[in-house]
């Protein structure tokens, strides 16, 4: 992935066609109850891919590692989520 495609640390995009996800190792949360009702994450170096486990045929979103850590940290601290 070129650095120009991830210009900002907060950038979120649909996975471009030049990203090879054939060998991506997708992970589900340990809190996922086993049903396909969660998101999966694959680490891709400087970014991560995020997909819906119910629809793995759709292109995943790509997020920078900084954006993913910020999102997860915000959720953990209760800053992001349902009121």
N, C-alpha and C. Protein backbone atom coordinates (compact mmCIF):
# COMPACT_ATOMS: atom_id res chain seq x y z
N UNK A 1 0.85 -1.16 0.00
CA UNK A 1 0.00 0.00 0.00
C UNK A 1 0.89 1.22 0.00
N UNK A 2 0.62 2.16 -0.85
CA UNK A 2 1.43 3.37 -0.91
C UNK A 2 1.06 4.30 0.24
N UNK A 3 2.01 5.15 0.62
CA UNK A 3 1.74 6.08 1.70
C UNK A 3 0.70 7.11 1.29
N UNK A 4 0.57 7.39 0.00
CA UNK A 4 -0.40 8.38 -0.43
C UNK A 4 -1.83 7.91 -0.24
N UNK A 5 -2.06 6.60 -0.21
CA UNK A 5 -3.43 6.11 -0.03
C UNK A 5 -3.87 6.17 1.43
N UNK A 6 -2.96 6.35 2.35
CA UNK A 6 -3.29 6.50 3.77
C UNK A 6 -2.70 7.83 4.24
N UNK A 7 -3.11 8.93 3.62
CA UNK A 7 -2.51 10.23 3.84
C UNK A 7 -2.69 10.74 5.26
N UNK A 8 -3.84 10.55 5.84
CA UNK A 8 -4.10 11.06 7.18
C UNK A 8 -4.22 9.91 8.16
N UNK A 9 -3.77 10.08 9.40
CA UNK A 9 -3.83 8.99 10.36
C UNK A 9 -5.24 8.58 10.72
N UNK A 10 -6.23 9.42 10.42
CA UNK A 10 -7.62 9.11 10.75
C UNK A 10 -8.41 8.63 9.54
N UNK A 11 -7.75 8.42 8.43
CA UNK A 11 -8.44 8.08 7.19
C UNK A 11 -9.10 6.71 7.26
N UNK A 12 -10.30 6.63 6.72
CA UNK A 12 -11.04 5.38 6.60
C UNK A 12 -11.49 5.28 5.16
N UNK A 13 -11.22 4.16 4.51
CA UNK A 13 -11.61 3.98 3.11
C UNK A 13 -12.13 2.58 2.90
N UNK A 14 -12.84 2.39 1.80
CA UNK A 14 -13.17 1.02 1.38
C UNK A 14 -11.88 0.44 0.82
N UNK A 15 -11.65 -0.82 1.04
CA UNK A 15 -10.40 -1.45 0.62
C UNK A 15 -10.20 -1.28 -0.88
N UNK A 16 -9.09 -0.66 -1.28
CA UNK A 16 -8.82 -0.52 -2.71
C UNK A 16 -8.47 -1.86 -3.31
N UNK A 17 -8.61 -1.93 -4.61
CA UNK A 17 -8.37 -3.20 -5.29
C UNK A 17 -6.92 -3.66 -5.21
N UNK A 18 -5.98 -2.76 -4.92
CA UNK A 18 -4.58 -3.16 -4.88
C UNK A 18 -4.16 -3.78 -3.54
N UNK A 19 -5.08 -3.89 -2.60
CA UNK A 19 -4.79 -4.53 -1.32
C UNK A 19 -5.14 -6.00 -1.43
N UNK A 20 -4.16 -6.86 -1.19
CA UNK A 20 -4.37 -8.30 -1.30
C UNK A 20 -4.78 -8.85 0.07
N UNK A 21 -6.02 -9.28 0.17
CA UNK A 21 -6.53 -9.83 1.43
C UNK A 21 -6.57 -11.35 1.44
N UNK A 22 -5.97 -11.97 0.43
CA UNK A 22 -6.03 -13.43 0.31
C UNK A 22 -5.44 -14.14 1.52
N UNK A 23 -4.41 -13.57 2.12
CA UNK A 23 -3.76 -14.23 3.25
C UNK A 23 -4.01 -13.49 4.57
N UNK A 24 -4.98 -12.60 4.57
CA UNK A 24 -5.30 -11.87 5.80
C UNK A 24 -5.78 -12.84 6.86
N UNK A 25 -5.34 -12.64 8.06
CA UNK A 25 -5.77 -13.47 9.19
C UNK A 25 -6.80 -12.69 9.98
N UNK A 26 -8.06 -13.03 9.76
CA UNK A 26 -9.17 -12.31 10.39
C UNK A 26 -9.36 -12.78 11.82
N UNK A 27 -9.61 -11.83 12.72
CA UNK A 27 -9.85 -12.14 14.14
C UNK A 27 -11.21 -11.60 14.55
N UNK A 28 -11.89 -12.36 15.39
CA UNK A 28 -13.15 -11.92 16.00
C UNK A 28 -12.89 -11.66 17.47
N UNK A 29 -13.71 -10.85 18.04
CA UNK A 29 -13.61 -10.58 19.47
C UNK A 29 -13.90 -11.84 20.26
N UNK A 30 -13.24 -11.98 21.38
CA UNK A 30 -13.52 -13.12 22.26
C UNK A 30 -14.91 -12.99 22.88
N UNK A 31 -15.50 -11.79 22.79
CA UNK A 31 -16.84 -11.56 23.31
C UNK A 31 -17.92 -11.91 22.29
N UNK A 32 -17.52 -12.34 21.08
CA UNK A 32 -18.46 -12.60 19.98
C UNK A 32 -19.37 -13.75 20.28
N UNK A 33 -19.89 -14.29 20.86
CA UNK A 33 -20.76 -15.42 21.15
C UNK A 33 -20.77 -16.54 20.13
N UNK A 34 -19.95 -16.50 19.12
CA UNK A 34 -19.88 -17.59 18.14
C UNK A 34 -20.76 -17.40 16.92
N UNK A 35 -21.79 -16.61 17.02
CA UNK A 35 -22.65 -16.35 15.86
C UNK A 35 -21.95 -15.34 14.94
N UNK A 36 -22.38 -15.29 13.71
CA UNK A 36 -21.79 -14.33 12.76
C UNK A 36 -22.46 -12.97 12.91
N UNK A 37 -22.33 -12.37 14.05
CA UNK A 37 -22.95 -11.07 14.29
C UNK A 37 -21.95 -10.08 14.88
N UNK A 38 -20.76 -10.08 14.34
CA UNK A 38 -19.74 -9.20 14.87
C UNK A 38 -18.88 -8.67 13.73
N UNK A 39 -17.89 -7.89 14.07
CA UNK A 39 -16.92 -7.45 13.09
C UNK A 39 -15.66 -8.27 13.26
N UNK A 40 -14.90 -8.36 12.18
CA UNK A 40 -13.62 -9.04 12.20
C UNK A 40 -12.55 -8.04 11.77
N UNK A 41 -11.35 -8.22 12.30
CA UNK A 41 -10.24 -7.31 12.00
C UNK A 41 -9.05 -8.13 11.53
N UNK A 42 -8.37 -7.63 10.50
CA UNK A 42 -7.12 -8.23 10.03
C UNK A 42 -6.06 -7.14 10.01
N UNK A 43 -4.92 -7.42 10.61
CA UNK A 43 -3.81 -6.47 10.65
C UNK A 43 -3.06 -6.54 9.32
N UNK A 44 -2.82 -5.40 8.70
CA UNK A 44 -2.17 -5.35 7.38
C UNK A 44 -0.96 -4.43 7.39
N UNK A 45 -0.15 -4.50 8.40
CA UNK A 45 1.01 -3.62 8.46
C UNK A 45 0.64 -2.28 9.05
N UNK A 46 0.66 -1.21 8.23
CA UNK A 46 0.36 0.13 8.71
C UNK A 46 -1.12 0.42 8.84
N UNK A 47 -1.95 -0.51 8.42
CA UNK A 47 -3.39 -0.31 8.54
C UNK A 47 -4.04 -1.64 8.93
N UNK A 48 -5.33 -1.57 9.15
CA UNK A 48 -6.10 -2.76 9.48
C UNK A 48 -7.34 -2.78 8.59
N UNK A 49 -7.81 -3.97 8.30
CA UNK A 49 -9.05 -4.13 7.54
C UNK A 49 -10.13 -4.57 8.53
N UNK A 50 -11.31 -4.02 8.36
CA UNK A 50 -12.45 -4.34 9.24
C UNK A 50 -13.60 -4.76 8.35
N UNK A 51 -14.22 -5.90 8.68
CA UNK A 51 -15.35 -6.38 7.88
C UNK A 51 -16.46 -6.90 8.78
N UNK A 52 -17.65 -6.98 8.19
CA UNK A 52 -18.82 -7.53 8.86
C UNK A 52 -18.79 -9.04 8.67
N UNK A 53 -18.83 -9.79 9.75
CA UNK A 53 -18.74 -11.25 9.65
C UNK A 53 -19.95 -11.87 8.95
N UNK A 54 -21.06 -11.13 8.87
CA UNK A 54 -22.24 -11.64 8.18
C UNK A 54 -22.14 -11.49 6.67
N UNK A 55 -21.25 -10.63 6.20
CA UNK A 55 -21.16 -10.34 4.78
C UNK A 55 -19.70 -10.20 4.37
N UNK A 56 -18.95 -11.29 4.46
CA UNK A 56 -17.51 -11.23 4.19
C UNK A 56 -17.19 -11.04 2.71
N UNK A 57 -18.17 -11.11 1.85
CA UNK A 57 -17.95 -10.88 0.43
C UNK A 57 -17.79 -9.41 0.08
N UNK A 58 -18.26 -8.52 0.94
CA UNK A 58 -18.10 -7.08 0.69
C UNK A 58 -16.68 -6.66 0.99
N UNK A 59 -16.23 -5.65 0.29
CA UNK A 59 -14.88 -5.13 0.56
C UNK A 59 -14.86 -4.55 1.97
N UNK A 60 -13.83 -4.85 2.73
CA UNK A 60 -13.74 -4.31 4.09
C UNK A 60 -13.32 -2.85 4.08
N UNK A 61 -13.47 -2.22 5.22
CA UNK A 61 -12.96 -0.87 5.41
C UNK A 61 -11.50 -0.97 5.82
N UNK A 62 -10.70 -0.04 5.36
CA UNK A 62 -9.32 0.06 5.79
C UNK A 62 -9.21 1.26 6.71
N UNK A 63 -8.56 1.06 7.83
CA UNK A 63 -8.34 2.15 8.77
C UNK A 63 -6.87 2.13 9.19
N UNK A 64 -6.34 3.31 9.48
CA UNK A 64 -4.97 3.35 9.98
C UNK A 64 -4.95 2.70 11.36
N UNK A 65 -3.79 2.25 11.76
CA UNK A 65 -3.65 1.67 13.10
C UNK A 65 -3.96 2.70 14.17
N UNK A 66 -3.59 3.96 13.93
CA UNK A 66 -3.88 5.02 14.90
C UNK A 66 -5.39 5.18 15.05
N UNK A 67 -6.11 5.19 13.92
CA UNK A 67 -7.57 5.35 13.98
C UNK A 67 -8.21 4.17 14.70
N UNK A 68 -7.74 2.97 14.45
CA UNK A 68 -8.31 1.79 15.10
C UNK A 68 -8.07 1.82 16.61
N UNK A 69 -6.84 2.17 17.01
CA UNK A 69 -6.55 2.27 18.45
C UNK A 69 -7.39 3.36 19.11
N UNK A 70 -7.58 4.48 18.42
CA UNK A 70 -8.40 5.57 18.95
C UNK A 70 -9.84 5.12 19.12
N UNK A 71 -10.38 4.43 18.13
CA UNK A 71 -11.75 3.93 18.21
C UNK A 71 -11.91 2.95 19.37
N UNK A 72 -11.03 1.98 19.46
CA UNK A 72 -11.12 0.97 20.52
C UNK A 72 -10.94 1.61 21.89
N UNK A 73 -10.01 2.55 22.00
CA UNK A 73 -9.81 3.24 23.27
C UNK A 73 -11.03 4.05 23.67
N UNK A 74 -11.67 4.72 22.70
CA UNK A 74 -12.87 5.49 22.99
C UNK A 74 -14.02 4.62 23.44
N UNK A 75 -14.15 3.45 22.82
CA UNK A 75 -15.20 2.51 23.23
C UNK A 75 -14.92 2.01 24.65
N UNK A 76 -13.66 1.64 24.91
CA UNK A 76 -13.29 1.11 26.23
C UNK A 76 -13.52 2.14 27.33
N UNK A 77 -13.30 3.42 27.03
CA UNK A 77 -13.49 4.47 28.04
C UNK A 77 -14.93 4.97 28.10
N UNK A 78 -15.80 4.41 27.28
CA UNK A 78 -17.20 4.81 27.30
C UNK A 78 -17.49 6.10 26.56
N UNK A 79 -16.54 6.57 25.77
CA UNK A 79 -16.73 7.81 25.04
C UNK A 79 -17.47 7.60 23.74
N UNK A 80 -17.51 6.37 23.25
CA UNK A 80 -18.17 6.02 22.01
C UNK A 80 -19.12 4.88 22.30
N UNK A 81 -20.35 4.99 21.87
CA UNK A 81 -21.30 3.91 22.08
C UNK A 81 -22.69 4.45 22.31
N UNK A 82 -23.56 3.59 22.72
CA UNK A 82 -24.93 3.97 22.97
C UNK A 82 -25.01 4.81 24.24
N UNK A 83 -25.90 5.82 24.25
CA UNK A 83 -26.03 6.69 25.44
C UNK A 83 -26.63 5.94 26.62
